[in-house]
Amino acid sequence: MYFSGPSLIFWLIFVIPLVAGLGWIMWQDKRHRRSGLLILAVIVVVGIVYMYLKTRGL
């Protein structure tokens, strides 16, 4: 997978810290931990697939 400069900056500054922060917040909720992390994982996977399809794999 090839990342252009702006795409790499976006991932490093926004996406990775956001997902890590949301994962940490969901990990703190002991009652809904598994479902929250599962929903977060589904959102990330859907976002990556959508991005891949919209850029036609570029």
N, C-alpha and C. Protein backbone atom coordinates (compact mmCIF):
# COMPACT_ATOMS: atom_id res chain seq x y z
N MET A 1 0.85 -1.17 0.00
CA MET A 1 0.00 0.00 0.00
C MET A 1 0.90 1.23 0.00
N TYR A 2 0.67 2.13 -0.92
CA TYR A 2 1.47 3.33 -1.06
C TYR A 2 0.70 4.52 -0.49
N PHE A 3 1.35 5.29 0.37
CA PHE A 3 0.74 6.48 0.95
C PHE A 3 1.38 7.72 0.36
N SER A 4 0.55 8.66 -0.05
CA SER A 4 1.08 9.95 -0.47
C SER A 4 1.39 10.78 0.77
N GLY A 5 2.09 11.88 0.61
CA GLY A 5 2.47 12.71 1.74
C GLY A 5 1.30 13.19 2.59
N PRO A 6 0.29 13.83 1.98
CA PRO A 6 -0.86 14.28 2.78
C PRO A 6 -1.61 13.14 3.45
N SER A 7 -1.72 12.01 2.78
CA SER A 7 -2.42 10.87 3.36
C SER A 7 -1.66 10.35 4.58
N LEU A 8 -0.35 10.27 4.48
CA LEU A 8 0.47 9.79 5.60
C LEU A 8 0.39 10.75 6.78
N ILE A 9 0.43 12.04 6.51
CA ILE A 9 0.31 13.04 7.57
C ILE A 9 -1.05 12.93 8.25
N PHE A 10 -2.11 12.76 7.46
CA PHE A 10 -3.46 12.61 8.02
C PHE A 10 -3.52 11.39 8.94
N TRP A 11 -2.99 10.27 8.49
CA TRP A 11 -3.01 9.05 9.32
C TRP A 11 -2.21 9.24 10.59
N LEU A 12 -1.02 9.82 10.50
CA LEU A 12 -0.15 9.95 11.67
C LEU A 12 -0.68 10.95 12.69
N ILE A 13 -1.28 12.04 12.22
CA ILE A 13 -1.70 13.10 13.13
C ILE A 13 -3.13 12.91 13.63
N PHE A 14 -4.01 12.39 12.81
CA PHE A 14 -5.42 12.32 13.19
C PHE A 14 -5.93 10.91 13.47
N VAL A 15 -5.77 10.01 12.54
CA VAL A 15 -6.44 8.71 12.63
C VAL A 15 -5.86 7.83 13.73
N ILE A 16 -4.57 7.65 13.76
CA ILE A 16 -3.96 6.76 14.75
C ILE A 16 -4.20 7.25 16.17
N PRO A 17 -3.97 8.54 16.49
CA PRO A 17 -4.28 8.99 17.86
C PRO A 17 -5.78 8.91 18.20
N LEU A 18 -6.65 9.17 17.23
CA LEU A 18 -8.09 9.09 17.49
C LEU A 18 -8.50 7.66 17.81
N VAL A 19 -8.05 6.71 17.02
CA VAL A 19 -8.40 5.31 17.27
C VAL A 19 -7.79 4.83 18.58
N ALA A 20 -6.55 5.21 18.86
CA ALA A 20 -5.92 4.83 20.12
C ALA A 20 -6.67 5.44 21.31
N GLY A 21 -7.05 6.70 21.21
CA GLY A 21 -7.80 7.34 22.29
C GLY A 21 -9.16 6.72 22.50
N LEU A 22 -9.87 6.46 21.43
CA LEU A 22 -11.18 5.82 21.56
C LEU A 22 -11.05 4.40 22.11
N GLY A 23 -10.02 3.68 21.67
CA GLY A 23 -9.79 2.33 22.19
C GLY A 23 -9.50 2.37 23.68
N TRP A 24 -8.71 3.33 24.12
CA TRP A 24 -8.39 3.45 25.55
C TRP A 24 -9.63 3.79 26.36
N ILE A 25 -10.45 4.71 25.84
CA ILE A 25 -11.69 5.07 26.54
C ILE A 25 -12.62 3.87 26.64
N MET A 26 -12.75 3.12 25.56
CA MET A 26 -13.63 1.95 25.58
C MET A 26 -13.07 0.85 26.47
N TRP A 27 -11.76 0.76 26.58
CA TRP A 27 -11.13 -0.25 27.43
C TRP A 27 -11.44 0.02 28.91
N GLN A 28 -11.66 1.29 29.27
CA GLN A 28 -11.93 1.66 30.65
C GLN A 28 -13.32 1.21 31.11
N ASP A 29 -14.25 1.05 30.18
CA ASP A 29 -15.60 0.62 30.51
C ASP A 29 -15.64 -0.91 30.58
N LYS A 30 -15.59 -1.44 31.77
CA LYS A 30 -15.47 -2.88 31.94
C LYS A 30 -16.73 -3.65 31.52
N ARG A 31 -17.89 -3.03 31.61
CA ARG A 31 -19.13 -3.73 31.26
C ARG A 31 -19.31 -3.88 29.75
N HIS A 32 -18.91 -2.86 28.99
CA HIS A 32 -19.14 -2.86 27.54
C HIS A 32 -17.83 -2.88 26.76
N ARG A 33 -16.78 -3.37 27.37
CA ARG A 33 -15.45 -3.34 26.75
C ARG A 33 -15.42 -4.06 25.41
N ARG A 34 -15.89 -5.29 25.40
CA ARG A 34 -15.79 -6.10 24.18
C ARG A 34 -16.62 -5.52 23.05
N SER A 35 -17.85 -5.12 23.33
CA SER A 35 -18.70 -4.59 22.26
C SER A 35 -18.19 -3.25 21.75
N GLY A 36 -17.67 -2.42 22.63
CA GLY A 36 -17.14 -1.13 22.20
C GLY A 36 -15.93 -1.28 21.31
N LEU A 37 -15.01 -2.17 21.67
CA LEU A 37 -13.83 -2.40 20.85
C LEU A 37 -14.19 -3.05 19.52
N LEU A 38 -15.20 -3.92 19.54
CA LEU A 38 -15.66 -4.54 18.30
C LEU A 38 -16.26 -3.50 17.35
N ILE A 39 -17.07 -2.61 17.88
CA ILE A 39 -17.65 -1.55 17.06
C ILE A 39 -16.56 -0.64 16.51
N LEU A 40 -15.57 -0.29 17.33
CA LEU A 40 -14.46 0.54 16.86
C LEU A 40 -13.69 -0.17 15.74
N ALA A 41 -13.44 -1.46 15.89
CA ALA A 41 -12.73 -2.22 14.86
C ALA A 41 -13.53 -2.25 13.56
N VAL A 42 -14.84 -2.44 13.66
CA VAL A 42 -15.69 -2.46 12.46
C VAL A 42 -15.66 -1.10 11.76
N ILE A 43 -15.72 -0.02 12.53
CA ILE A 43 -15.68 1.32 11.94
C ILE A 43 -14.36 1.55 11.22
N VAL A 44 -13.26 1.13 11.82
CA VAL A 44 -11.94 1.31 11.20
C VAL A 44 -11.85 0.50 9.91
N VAL A 45 -12.29 -0.75 9.94
CA VAL A 45 -12.22 -1.60 8.75
C VAL A 45 -13.11 -1.05 7.64
N VAL A 46 -14.31 -0.63 7.97
CA VAL A 46 -15.20 -0.05 6.96
C VAL A 46 -14.59 1.23 6.37
N GLY A 47 -13.98 2.03 7.21
CA GLY A 47 -13.33 3.25 6.72
C GLY A 47 -12.18 2.95 5.77
N ILE A 48 -11.37 1.96 6.09
CA ILE A 48 -10.25 1.59 5.22
C ILE A 48 -10.75 1.02 3.91
N VAL A 49 -11.76 0.16 3.94
CA VAL A 49 -12.32 -0.41 2.71
C VAL A 49 -12.94 0.69 1.85
N TYR A 50 -13.67 1.60 2.47
CA TYR A 50 -14.28 2.71 1.73
C TYR A 50 -13.20 3.57 1.07
N MET A 51 -12.15 3.88 1.81
CA MET A 51 -11.06 4.69 1.27
C MET A 51 -10.39 3.96 0.10
N TYR A 52 -10.17 2.66 0.25
CA TYR A 52 -9.55 1.87 -0.80
C TYR A 52 -10.41 1.86 -2.06
N LEU A 53 -11.72 1.69 -1.90
CA LEU A 53 -12.60 1.65 -3.06
C LEU A 53 -12.71 3.01 -3.73
N LYS A 54 -12.76 4.09 -2.95
CA LYS A 54 -12.89 5.41 -3.53
C LYS A 54 -11.64 5.86 -4.26
N THR A 55 -10.47 5.42 -3.80
CA THR A 55 -9.22 5.79 -4.49
C THR A 55 -8.80 4.76 -5.50
N ARG A 56 -9.62 3.74 -5.66
CA ARG A 56 -9.36 2.64 -6.61
C ARG A 56 -8.02 1.96 -6.34
N GLY A 57 -7.67 1.83 -5.07
CA GLY A 57 -6.47 1.12 -4.68
C GLY A 57 -5.18 1.90 -4.83
N LEU A 58 -5.29 3.20 -5.05
CA LEU A 58 -4.06 4.01 -5.23
C LEU A 58 -3.51 4.44 -3.92
